[in-house]
Each structure stands twice: as structure tokens, then as C-alpha cells.
């Protein structure tokens, strides 16, 4: 039995979430205004680095860091589908 590398699993799940999020935005833009459109376009954002004073100052070098994730329902669905494909195609 061939064992998958963790990098391969991460990349497949990452692209599943990206494709799902894009599909959610595409479906949401095609729909007319209403509850269903709001459902597809609503997303939750989490991460760090949004504050103005989050500079790392080393006197010679000053930089900012940050990373944000925005997740919608279809993105989570895409993540689940990619997980299913990982389990199905062993």
C-alpha cells in the first residue's frame, strides 16, 4: 500500500478549498438578490496582521506579517469533496 506524503494531501485540500470558494462566488454573482445569494456570498474571515501597529522593528529592518483566510460554505464543501477524493482514490 502506497503512503501519501503530507505535502500532497495539503496541496489537494488547499486547491479543493480554493476551487470551492471560487465556485461559491461565481454562483453567488449569477443569482438575483435575496437570501440564497447572501448565503453563497457570506464568508468568515480569520487571521492576523490587520492592525496598523503590527510592525516588527529590528532597527535595520522593519516588516509586517499577516495571513488571512476567508471561508464560505461552498469552500468548505469543496474541501470535503477533495477529502473524499483523497479517501476514494488510494
PDB file of N, CA and C in Angstrom:
ATOM      1  N   UNK A   1       0.836  -1.169   0.000  1.00  0.00           N
ATOM      2  CA  UNK A   1       0.000   0.000   0.000  1.00  0.00           C
ATOM      3  C   UNK A   1       0.891   1.246   0.000  1.00  0.00           C
ATOM      4  N   UNK A   2       0.617   2.132  -0.921  1.00  0.00           N
ATOM      5  CA  UNK A   2       1.433   3.334  -1.064  1.00  0.00           C
ATOM      6  C   UNK A   2       0.952   4.410  -0.094  1.00  0.00           C
ATOM      7  N   UNK A   3       1.873   4.981   0.642  1.00  0.00           N
ATOM      8  CA  UNK A   3       1.535   6.021   1.613  1.00  0.00           C
ATOM      9  C   UNK A   3       1.701   7.395   0.958  1.00  0.00           C
ATOM     10  N   UNK A   4       0.717   8.271   1.174  1.00  0.00           N
ATOM     11  CA  UNK A   4       0.783   9.609   0.592  1.00  0.00           C
ATOM     12  C   UNK A   4       1.619  10.533   1.470  1.00  0.00           C
ATOM     13  N   UNK A   5       2.272  11.465   0.819  1.00  0.00           N
ATOM     14  CA  UNK A   5       3.042  12.459   1.549  1.00  0.00           C
ATOM     15  C   UNK A   5       2.097  13.545   2.058  1.00  0.00           C
ATOM     16  N   UNK A   6       2.432  14.110   3.196  1.00  0.00           N
ATOM     17  CA  UNK A   6       1.595  15.133   3.817  1.00  0.00           C
ATOM     18  C   UNK A   6       1.493  16.369   2.931  1.00  0.00           C
ATOM     19  N   UNK A   7       2.543  16.679   2.185  1.00  0.00           N
ATOM     20  CA  UNK A   7       2.517  17.824   1.281  1.00  0.00           C
ATOM     21  C   UNK A   7       1.474  17.616   0.187  1.00  0.00           C
ATOM     22  N   UNK A   8       1.393  16.411  -0.359  1.00  0.00           N
ATOM     23  CA  UNK A   8       0.423  16.086  -1.399  1.00  0.00           C
ATOM     24  C   UNK A   8      -1.007  16.241  -0.867  1.00  0.00           C
ATOM     25  N   UNK A   9      -1.252  15.782   0.338  1.00  0.00           N
ATOM     26  CA  UNK A   9      -2.571  15.894   0.947  1.00  0.00           C
ATOM     27  C   UNK A   9      -2.929  17.358   1.174  1.00  0.00           C
ATOM     28  N   UNK A  10      -1.986  18.129   1.702  1.00  0.00           N
ATOM     29  CA  UNK A  10      -2.225  19.545   1.963  1.00  0.00           C
ATOM     30  C   UNK A  10      -2.536  20.307   0.678  1.00  0.00           C
ATOM     31  N   UNK A  11      -1.776  20.066  -0.370  1.00  0.00           N
ATOM     32  CA  UNK A  11      -1.983  20.767  -1.645  1.00  0.00           C
ATOM     33  C   UNK A  11      -3.353  20.426  -2.223  1.00  0.00           C
ATOM     34  N   UNK A  12      -3.741  19.162  -2.194  1.00  0.00           N
ATOM     35  CA  UNK A  12      -5.035  18.773  -2.741  1.00  0.00           C
ATOM     36  C   UNK A  12      -6.186  19.401  -1.945  1.00  0.00           C
ATOM     37  N   UNK A  13      -6.086  19.410  -0.627  1.00  0.00           N
ATOM     38  CA  UNK A  13      -7.125  20.031   0.187  1.00  0.00           C
ATOM     39  C   UNK A  13      -7.158  21.547  -0.010  1.00  0.00           C
ATOM     40  N   UNK A  14      -5.997  22.157  -0.147  1.00  0.00           N
ATOM     41  CA  UNK A  14      -5.907  23.600  -0.366  1.00  0.00           C
ATOM     42  C   UNK A  14      -6.581  23.991  -1.679  1.00  0.00           C
ATOM     43  N   UNK A  15      -6.285  23.261  -2.759  1.00  0.00           N
ATOM     44  CA  UNK A  15      -6.896  23.570  -4.042  1.00  0.00           C
ATOM     45  C   UNK A  15      -8.389  23.252  -4.048  1.00  0.00           C
ATOM     46  N   UNK A  16      -8.814  22.250  -3.295  1.00  0.00           N
ATOM     47  CA  UNK A  16     -10.239  21.977  -3.169  1.00  0.00           C
ATOM     48  C   UNK A  16     -10.968  23.131  -2.512  1.00  0.00           C
ATOM     49  N   UNK A  17     -10.369  23.721  -1.480  1.00  0.00           N
ATOM     50  CA  UNK A  17     -10.974  24.868  -0.812  1.00  0.00           C
ATOM     51  C   UNK A  17     -10.993  26.098  -1.721  1.00  0.00           C
ATOM     52  N   UNK A  18      -9.929  26.294  -2.484  1.00  0.00           N
ATOM     53  CA  UNK A  18      -9.870  27.445  -3.401  1.00  0.00           C
ATOM     54  C   UNK A  18     -10.913  27.321  -4.501  1.00  0.00           C
ATOM     55  N   UNK A  19     -10.987  26.159  -5.127  1.00  0.00           N
ATOM     56  CA  UNK A  19     -11.963  25.957  -6.207  1.00  0.00           C
ATOM     57  C   UNK A  19     -13.384  26.079  -5.659  1.00  0.00           C
ATOM     58  N   UNK A  20     -13.633  25.537  -4.479  1.00  0.00           N
ATOM     59  CA  UNK A  20     -14.952  25.663  -3.871  1.00  0.00           C
ATOM     60  C   UNK A  20     -15.307  27.112  -3.579  1.00  0.00           C
ATOM     61  N   UNK A  21     -14.363  27.892  -3.085  1.00  0.00           N
ATOM     62  CA  UNK A  21     -14.630  29.310  -2.812  1.00  0.00           C
ATOM     63  C   UNK A  21     -14.908  30.076  -4.094  1.00  0.00           C
ATOM     64  N   UNK A  22     -14.149  29.806  -5.137  1.00  0.00           N
ATOM     65  CA  UNK A  22     -14.400  30.457  -6.426  1.00  0.00           C
ATOM     66  C   UNK A  22     -15.770  30.089  -6.971  1.00  0.00           C
ATOM     67  N   UNK A  23     -16.142  28.830  -6.828  1.00  0.00           N
ATOM     68  CA  UNK A  23     -17.455  28.407  -7.301  1.00  0.00           C
ATOM     69  C   UNK A  23     -18.567  29.082  -6.504  1.00  0.00           C
ATOM     70  N   UNK A  24     -18.377  29.249  -5.209  1.00  0.00           N
ATOM     71  CA  UNK A  24     -19.365  29.939  -4.388  1.00  0.00           C
ATOM     72  C   UNK A  24     -19.553  31.378  -4.813  1.00  0.00           C
ATOM     73  N   UNK A  25     -18.463  32.067  -5.108  1.00  0.00           N
ATOM     74  CA  UNK A  25     -18.551  33.455  -5.573  1.00  0.00           C
ATOM     75  C   UNK A  25     -19.201  33.505  -6.955  1.00  0.00           C
ATOM     76  N   UNK A  26     -18.846  32.570  -7.834  1.00  0.00           N
ATOM     77  CA  UNK A  26     -19.432  32.537  -9.180  1.00  0.00           C
ATOM     78  C   UNK A  26     -20.932  32.267  -9.117  1.00  0.00           C
ATOM     79  N   UNK A  27     -21.350  31.323  -8.297  1.00  0.00           N
ATOM     80  CA  UNK A  27     -22.775  31.028  -8.151  1.00  0.00           C
ATOM     81  C   UNK A  27     -23.489  32.222  -7.536  1.00  0.00           C
ATOM     82  N   UNK A  28     -22.870  32.845  -6.548  1.00  0.00           N
ATOM     83  CA  UNK A  28     -23.477  33.999  -5.896  1.00  0.00           C
ATOM     84  C   UNK A  28     -23.657  35.190  -6.815  1.00  0.00           C
ATOM     85  N   UNK A  29     -22.741  35.408  -7.733  1.00  0.00           N
ATOM     86  CA  UNK A  29     -22.871  36.544  -8.647  1.00  0.00           C
ATOM     87  C   UNK A  29     -23.908  36.286  -9.733  1.00  0.00           C
ATOM     88  N   UNK A  30     -24.202  35.019 -10.043  1.00  0.00           N
ATOM     89  CA  UNK A  30     -25.204  34.706 -11.049  1.00  0.00           C
ATOM     90  C   UNK A  30     -26.624  34.795 -10.511  1.00  0.00           C
ATOM     91  N   UNK A  31     -26.788  34.690  -9.210  1.00  0.00           N
ATOM     92  CA  UNK A  31     -28.121  34.702  -8.610  1.00  0.00           C
ATOM     93  C   UNK A  31     -28.631  36.129  -8.427  1.00  0.00           C
ATOM     94  N   UNK A  32     -29.950  36.254  -8.365  1.00  0.00           N
ATOM     95  CA  UNK A  32     -30.550  37.559  -8.093  1.00  0.00           C
ATOM     96  C   UNK A  32     -30.474  37.847  -6.593  1.00  0.00           C
ATOM     97  N   UNK A  33     -30.705  39.089  -6.219  1.00  0.00           N
ATOM     98  CA  UNK A  33     -30.630  39.481  -4.807  1.00  0.00           C
ATOM     99  C   UNK A  33     -31.643  38.702  -3.976  1.00  0.00           C
ATOM    100  N   UNK A  34     -31.180  38.276  -2.818  1.00  0.00           N
ATOM    101  CA  UNK A  34     -32.062  37.539  -1.917  1.00  0.00           C
ATOM    102  C   UNK A  34     -31.255  36.768  -0.896  1.00  0.00           C
ATOM    103  N   UNK A  35     -31.947  35.911  -0.188  1.00  0.00           N
ATOM    104  CA  UNK A  35     -31.332  35.139   0.883  1.00  0.00           C
ATOM    105  C   UNK A  35     -30.331  34.135   0.338  1.00  0.00           C
ATOM    106  N   UNK A  36     -30.649  33.497  -0.782  1.00  0.00           N
ATOM    107  CA  UNK A  36     -29.762  32.477  -1.347  1.00  0.00           C
ATOM    108  C   UNK A  36     -28.456  33.106  -1.802  1.00  0.00           C
ATOM    109  N   UNK A  37     -28.529  34.273  -2.431  1.00  0.00           N
ATOM    110  CA  UNK A  37     -27.312  34.964  -2.857  1.00  0.00           C
ATOM    111  C   UNK A  37     -26.468  35.353  -1.651  1.00  0.00           C
ATOM    112  N   UNK A  38     -27.119  35.860  -0.604  1.00  0.00           N
ATOM    113  CA  UNK A  38     -26.392  36.213   0.619  1.00  0.00           C
ATOM    114  C   UNK A  38     -25.724  34.996   1.235  1.00  0.00           C
ATOM    115  N   UNK A  39     -26.388  33.836   1.157  1.00  0.00           N
ATOM    116  CA  UNK A  39     -25.822  32.605   1.700  1.00  0.00           C
ATOM    117  C   UNK A  39     -24.532  32.224   0.976  1.00  0.00           C
ATOM    118  N   UNK A  40     -24.537  32.311  -0.363  1.00  0.00           N
ATOM    119  CA  UNK A  40     -23.354  31.937  -1.127  1.00  0.00           C
ATOM    120  C   UNK A  40     -22.232  32.958  -1.015  1.00  0.00           C
ATOM    121  N   UNK A  41     -22.552  34.230  -0.819  1.00  0.00           N
ATOM    122  CA  UNK A  41     -21.519  35.264  -0.767  1.00  0.00           C
ATOM    123  C   UNK A  41     -21.021  35.562   0.639  1.00  0.00           C
ATOM    124  N   UNK A  42     -21.716  35.084   1.661  1.00  0.00           N
ATOM    125  CA  UNK A  42     -21.287  35.330   3.040  1.00  0.00           C
ATOM    126  C   UNK A  42     -20.062  34.478   3.347  1.00  0.00           C
ATOM    127  N   UNK A  43     -19.059  35.108   3.919  1.00  0.00           N
ATOM    128  CA  UNK A  43     -17.841  34.376   4.265  1.00  0.00           C
ATOM    129  C   UNK A  43     -17.350  34.827   5.626  1.00  0.00           C
ATOM    130  N   UNK A  44     -16.602  33.956   6.251  1.00  0.00           N
ATOM    131  CA  UNK A  44     -15.980  34.263   7.534  1.00  0.00           C
ATOM    132  C   UNK A  44     -14.494  34.474   7.295  1.00  0.00           C
ATOM    133  N   UNK A  45     -13.947  35.527   7.878  1.00  0.00           N
ATOM    134  CA  UNK A  45     -12.539  35.848   7.714  1.00  0.00           C
ATOM    135  C   UNK A  45     -11.844  35.747   9.060  1.00  0.00           C
ATOM    136  N   UNK A  46     -10.713  35.071   9.068  1.00  0.00           N
ATOM    137  CA  UNK A  46      -9.924  34.995  10.294  1.00  0.00           C
ATOM    138  C   UNK A  46      -8.452  34.991   9.942  1.00  0.00           C
ATOM    139  N   UNK A  47      -7.650  35.496  10.850  1.00  0.00           N
ATOM    140  CA  UNK A  47      -6.215  35.578  10.625  1.00  0.00           C
ATOM    141  C   UNK A  47      -5.595  36.622  11.533  1.00  0.00           C
ATOM    142  N   UNK A  48      -4.413  37.093  11.163  1.00  0.00           N
ATOM    143  CA  UNK A  48      -3.723  38.109  11.947  1.00  0.00           C
ATOM    144  C   UNK A  48      -3.010  39.075  11.008  1.00  0.00           C
ATOM    145  N   UNK A  49      -2.710  40.256  11.538  1.00  0.00           N
ATOM    146  CA  UNK A  49      -1.948  41.239  10.773  1.00  0.00           C
ATOM    147  C   UNK A  49      -2.758  42.418  10.279  1.00  0.00           C
ATOM    148  N   UNK A  50      -3.978  42.598  10.766  1.00  0.00           N
ATOM    149  CA  UNK A  50      -4.821  43.689  10.273  1.00  0.00           C
ATOM    150  C   UNK A  50      -4.553  45.016  10.962  1.00  0.00           C
ATOM    151  N   UNK A  51      -3.987  45.005  12.146  1.00  0.00           N
ATOM    152  CA  UNK A  51      -3.774  46.248  12.893  1.00  0.00           C
ATOM    153  C   UNK A  51      -2.691  47.099  12.241  1.00  0.00           C
ATOM    154  N   UNK A  52      -2.796  48.415  12.410  1.00  0.00           N
ATOM    155  CA  UNK A  52      -1.818  49.335  11.819  1.00  0.00           C
ATOM    156  C   UNK A  52      -0.459  49.252  12.499  1.00  0.00           C
ATOM    157  N   UNK A  53      -0.428  48.945  13.778  1.00  0.00           N
ATOM    158  CA  UNK A  53       0.828  48.955  14.514  1.00  0.00           C
ATOM    159  C   UNK A  53       1.465  47.584  14.678  1.00  0.00           C
ATOM    160  N   UNK A  54       1.320  46.721  13.723  1.00  0.00           N
ATOM    161  CA  UNK A  54       1.875  45.376  13.872  1.00  0.00           C
ATOM    162  C   UNK A  54       3.222  45.220  13.159  1.00  0.00           C
ATOM    163  N   UNK A  55       4.019  46.245  13.141  1.00  0.00           N
ATOM    164  CA  UNK A  55       5.343  46.196  12.526  1.00  0.00           C
ATOM    165  C   UNK A  55       6.323  45.469  13.436  1.00  0.00           C
ATOM    166  N   UNK A  56       7.204  44.695  12.842  1.00  0.00           N
ATOM    167  CA  UNK A  56       8.331  44.098  13.557  1.00  0.00           C
ATOM    168  C   UNK A  56       9.535  44.980  13.240  1.00  0.00           C
ATOM    169  N   UNK A  57      10.049  45.667  14.230  1.00  0.00           N
ATOM    170  CA  UNK A  57      11.110  46.641  14.023  1.00  0.00           C
ATOM    171  C   UNK A  57      12.411  46.108  14.605  1.00  0.00           C
ATOM    172  N   UNK A  58      13.403  45.895  13.730  1.00  0.00           N
ATOM    173  CA  UNK A  58      14.714  45.395  14.145  1.00  0.00           C
ATOM    174  C   UNK A  58      15.795  46.467  14.007  1.00  0.00           C
ATOM    175  N   UNK A  59      15.387  47.719  13.914  1.00  0.00           N
ATOM    176  CA  UNK A  59      16.245  48.893  13.750  1.00  0.00           C
ATOM    177  C   UNK A  59      16.937  48.940  12.392  1.00  0.00           C
ATOM    178  N   UNK A  60      17.302  47.858  11.822  1.00  0.00           N
ATOM    179  CA  UNK A  60      17.891  47.830  10.490  1.00  0.00           C
ATOM    180  C   UNK A  60      16.826  47.428   9.475  1.00  0.00           C
ATOM    181  N   UNK A  61      15.927  46.623   9.900  1.00  0.00           N
ATOM    182  CA  UNK A  61      14.896  46.071   9.029  1.00  0.00           C
ATOM    183  C   UNK A  61      13.552  46.184   9.739  1.00  0.00           C
ATOM    184  N   UNK A  62      12.545  46.622   9.008  1.00  0.00           N
ATOM    185  CA  UNK A  62      11.202  46.718   9.570  1.00  0.00           C
ATOM    186  C   UNK A  62      10.246  46.056   8.587  1.00  0.00           C
ATOM    187  N   UNK A  63       9.409  45.148   9.082  1.00  0.00           N
ATOM    188  CA  UNK A  63       8.484  44.461   8.192  1.00  0.00           C
ATOM    189  C   UNK A  63       7.174  44.156   8.904  1.00  0.00           C
ATOM    190  N   UNK A  64       6.174  43.858   8.105  1.00  0.00           N
ATOM    191  CA  UNK A  64       4.861  43.447   8.588  1.00  0.00           C
ATOM    192  C   UNK A  64       4.626  42.000   8.183  1.00  0.00           C
ATOM    193  N   UNK A  65       3.841  41.337   8.974  1.00  0.00           N
ATOM    194  CA  UNK A  65       3.444  39.988   8.587  1.00  0.00           C
ATOM    195  C   UNK A  65       1.952  39.851   8.819  1.00  0.00           C
ATOM    196  N   UNK A  66       1.335  38.993   8.058  1.00  0.00           N
ATOM    197  CA  UNK A  66      -0.087  38.757   8.212  1.00  0.00           C
ATOM    198  C   UNK A  66      -0.543  37.636   7.304  1.00  0.00           C
ATOM    199  N   UNK A  67      -1.616  37.009   7.703  1.00  0.00           N
ATOM    200  CA  UNK A  67      -2.194  35.927   6.919  1.00  0.00           C
ATOM    201  C   UNK A  67      -3.674  35.870   7.253  1.00  0.00           C
ATOM    202  N   UNK A  68      -4.509  35.872   6.225  1.00  0.00           N
ATOM    203  CA  UNK A  68      -5.952  35.829   6.420  1.00  0.00           C
ATOM    204  C   UNK A  68      -6.560  34.716   5.595  1.00  0.00           C
ATOM    205  N   UNK A  69      -7.590  34.122   6.135  1.00  0.00           N
ATOM    206  CA  UNK A  69      -8.367  33.105   5.447  1.00  0.00           C
ATOM    207  C   UNK A  69      -9.806  33.588   5.367  1.00  0.00           C
ATOM    208  N   UNK A  70     -10.400  33.451   4.204  1.00  0.00           N
ATOM    209  CA  UNK A  70     -11.820  33.724   4.043  1.00  0.00           C
ATOM    210  C   UNK A  70     -12.475  32.448   3.573  1.00  0.00           C
ATOM    211  N   UNK A  71     -13.449  31.999   4.335  1.00  0.00           N
ATOM    212  CA  UNK A  71     -14.079  30.718   4.066  1.00  0.00           C
ATOM    213  C   UNK A  71     -15.572  30.946   3.877  1.00  0.00           C
ATOM    214  N   UNK A  72     -16.138  30.384   2.792  1.00  0.00           N
ATOM    215  CA  UNK A  72     -17.580  30.385   2.619  1.00  0.00           C
ATOM    216  C   UNK A  72     -18.082  28.943   2.589  1.00  0.00           C
ATOM    217  N   UNK A  73     -19.380  28.774   2.496  1.00  0.00           N
ATOM    218  CA  UNK A  73     -19.977  27.445   2.576  1.00  0.00           C
ATOM    219  C   UNK A  73     -19.505  26.527   1.454  1.00  0.00           C
ATOM    220  N   UNK A  74     -19.484  27.030   0.231  1.00  0.00           N
ATOM    221  CA  UNK A  74     -19.083  26.184  -0.898  1.00  0.00           C
ATOM    222  C   UNK A  74     -17.592  25.867  -0.821  1.00  0.00           C
ATOM    223  N   UNK A  75     -16.794  26.731  -0.217  1.00  0.00           N
ATOM    224  CA  UNK A  75     -15.377  26.435   0.013  1.00  0.00           C
ATOM    225  C   UNK A  75     -15.203  25.252   0.947  1.00  0.00           C
ATOM    226  N   UNK A  76     -16.024  25.203   1.993  1.00  0.00           N
ATOM    227  CA  UNK A  76     -15.983  24.055   2.904  1.00  0.00           C
ATOM    228  C   UNK A  76     -16.482  22.811   2.194  1.00  0.00           C
ATOM    229  N   UNK A  77     -17.490  22.960   1.340  1.00  0.00           N
ATOM    230  CA  UNK A  77     -17.982  21.833   0.547  1.00  0.00           C
ATOM    231  C   UNK A  77     -16.895  21.324  -0.400  1.00  0.00           C
ATOM    232  N   UNK A  78     -16.152  22.237  -1.037  1.00  0.00           N
ATOM    233  CA  UNK A  78     -15.035  21.845  -1.902  1.00  0.00           C
ATOM    234  C   UNK A  78     -13.939  21.141  -1.128  1.00  0.00           C
ATOM    235  N   UNK A  79     -13.690  21.581   0.095  1.00  0.00           N
ATOM    236  CA  UNK A  79     -12.718  20.924   0.967  1.00  0.00           C
ATOM    237  C   UNK A  79     -13.166  19.495   1.275  1.00  0.00           C
ATOM    238  N   UNK A  80     -14.452  19.333   1.551  1.00  0.00           N
ATOM    239  CA  UNK A  80     -14.989  17.996   1.821  1.00  0.00           C
ATOM    240  C   UNK A  80     -14.926  17.087   0.608  1.00  0.00           C
ATOM    241  N   UNK A  81     -15.202  17.625  -0.573  1.00  0.00           N
ATOM    242  CA  UNK A  81     -15.134  16.819  -1.796  1.00  0.00           C
ATOM    243  C   UNK A  81     -13.698  16.398  -2.080  1.00  0.00           C
ATOM    244  N   UNK A  82     -12.757  17.303  -1.878  1.00  0.00           N
ATOM    245  CA  UNK A  82     -11.353  16.925  -2.108  1.00  0.00           C
ATOM    246  C   UNK A  82     -10.895  15.891  -1.078  1.00  0.00           C
ATOM    247  N   UNK A  83     -11.381  15.985   0.155  1.00  0.00           N
ATOM    248  CA  UNK A  83     -11.072  14.963   1.166  1.00  0.00           C
ATOM    249  C   UNK A  83     -11.651  13.611   0.749  1.00  0.00           C
ATOM    250  N   UNK A  84     -12.875  13.624   0.187  1.00  0.00           N
ATOM    251  CA  UNK A  84     -13.487  12.386  -0.289  1.00  0.00           C
ATOM    252  C   UNK A  84     -12.638  11.775  -1.400  1.00  0.00           C
ATOM    253  N   UNK A  85     -12.160  12.595  -2.336  1.00  0.00           N
ATOM    254  CA  UNK A  85     -11.320  12.073  -3.411  1.00  0.00           C
ATOM    255  C   UNK A  85     -10.012  11.506  -2.876  1.00  0.00           C
ATOM    256  N   UNK A  86      -9.486  12.108  -1.836  1.00  0.00           N
ATOM    257  CA  UNK A  86      -8.280  11.551  -1.212  1.00  0.00           C
ATOM    258  C   UNK A  86      -8.554  10.161  -0.640  1.00  0.00           C
ATOM    259  N   UNK A  87      -9.703  10.000  -0.018  1.00  0.00           N
ATOM    260  CA  UNK A  87     -10.052   8.703   0.575  1.00  0.00           C
ATOM    261  C   UNK A  87     -10.435   7.679  -0.482  1.00  0.00           C
ATOM    262  N   UNK A  88     -11.088   8.126  -1.558  1.00  0.00           N
ATOM    263  CA  UNK A  88     -11.588   7.220  -2.584  1.00  0.00           C
ATOM    264  C   UNK A  88     -10.479   6.720  -3.506  1.00  0.00           C
ATOM    265  N   UNK A  89      -9.592   7.602  -3.941  1.00  0.00           N
ATOM    266  CA  UNK A  89      -8.519   7.238  -4.870  1.00  0.00           C
ATOM    267  C   UNK A  89      -7.233   6.959  -4.096  1.00  0.00           C
ATOM    268  N   UNK A  90      -7.191   5.828  -3.454  1.00  0.00           N
ATOM    269  CA  UNK A  90      -5.993   5.469  -2.678  1.00  0.00           C
ATOM    270  C   UNK A  90      -4.906   4.957  -3.546  1.00  0.00           C
TER     271      UNK A  90
END
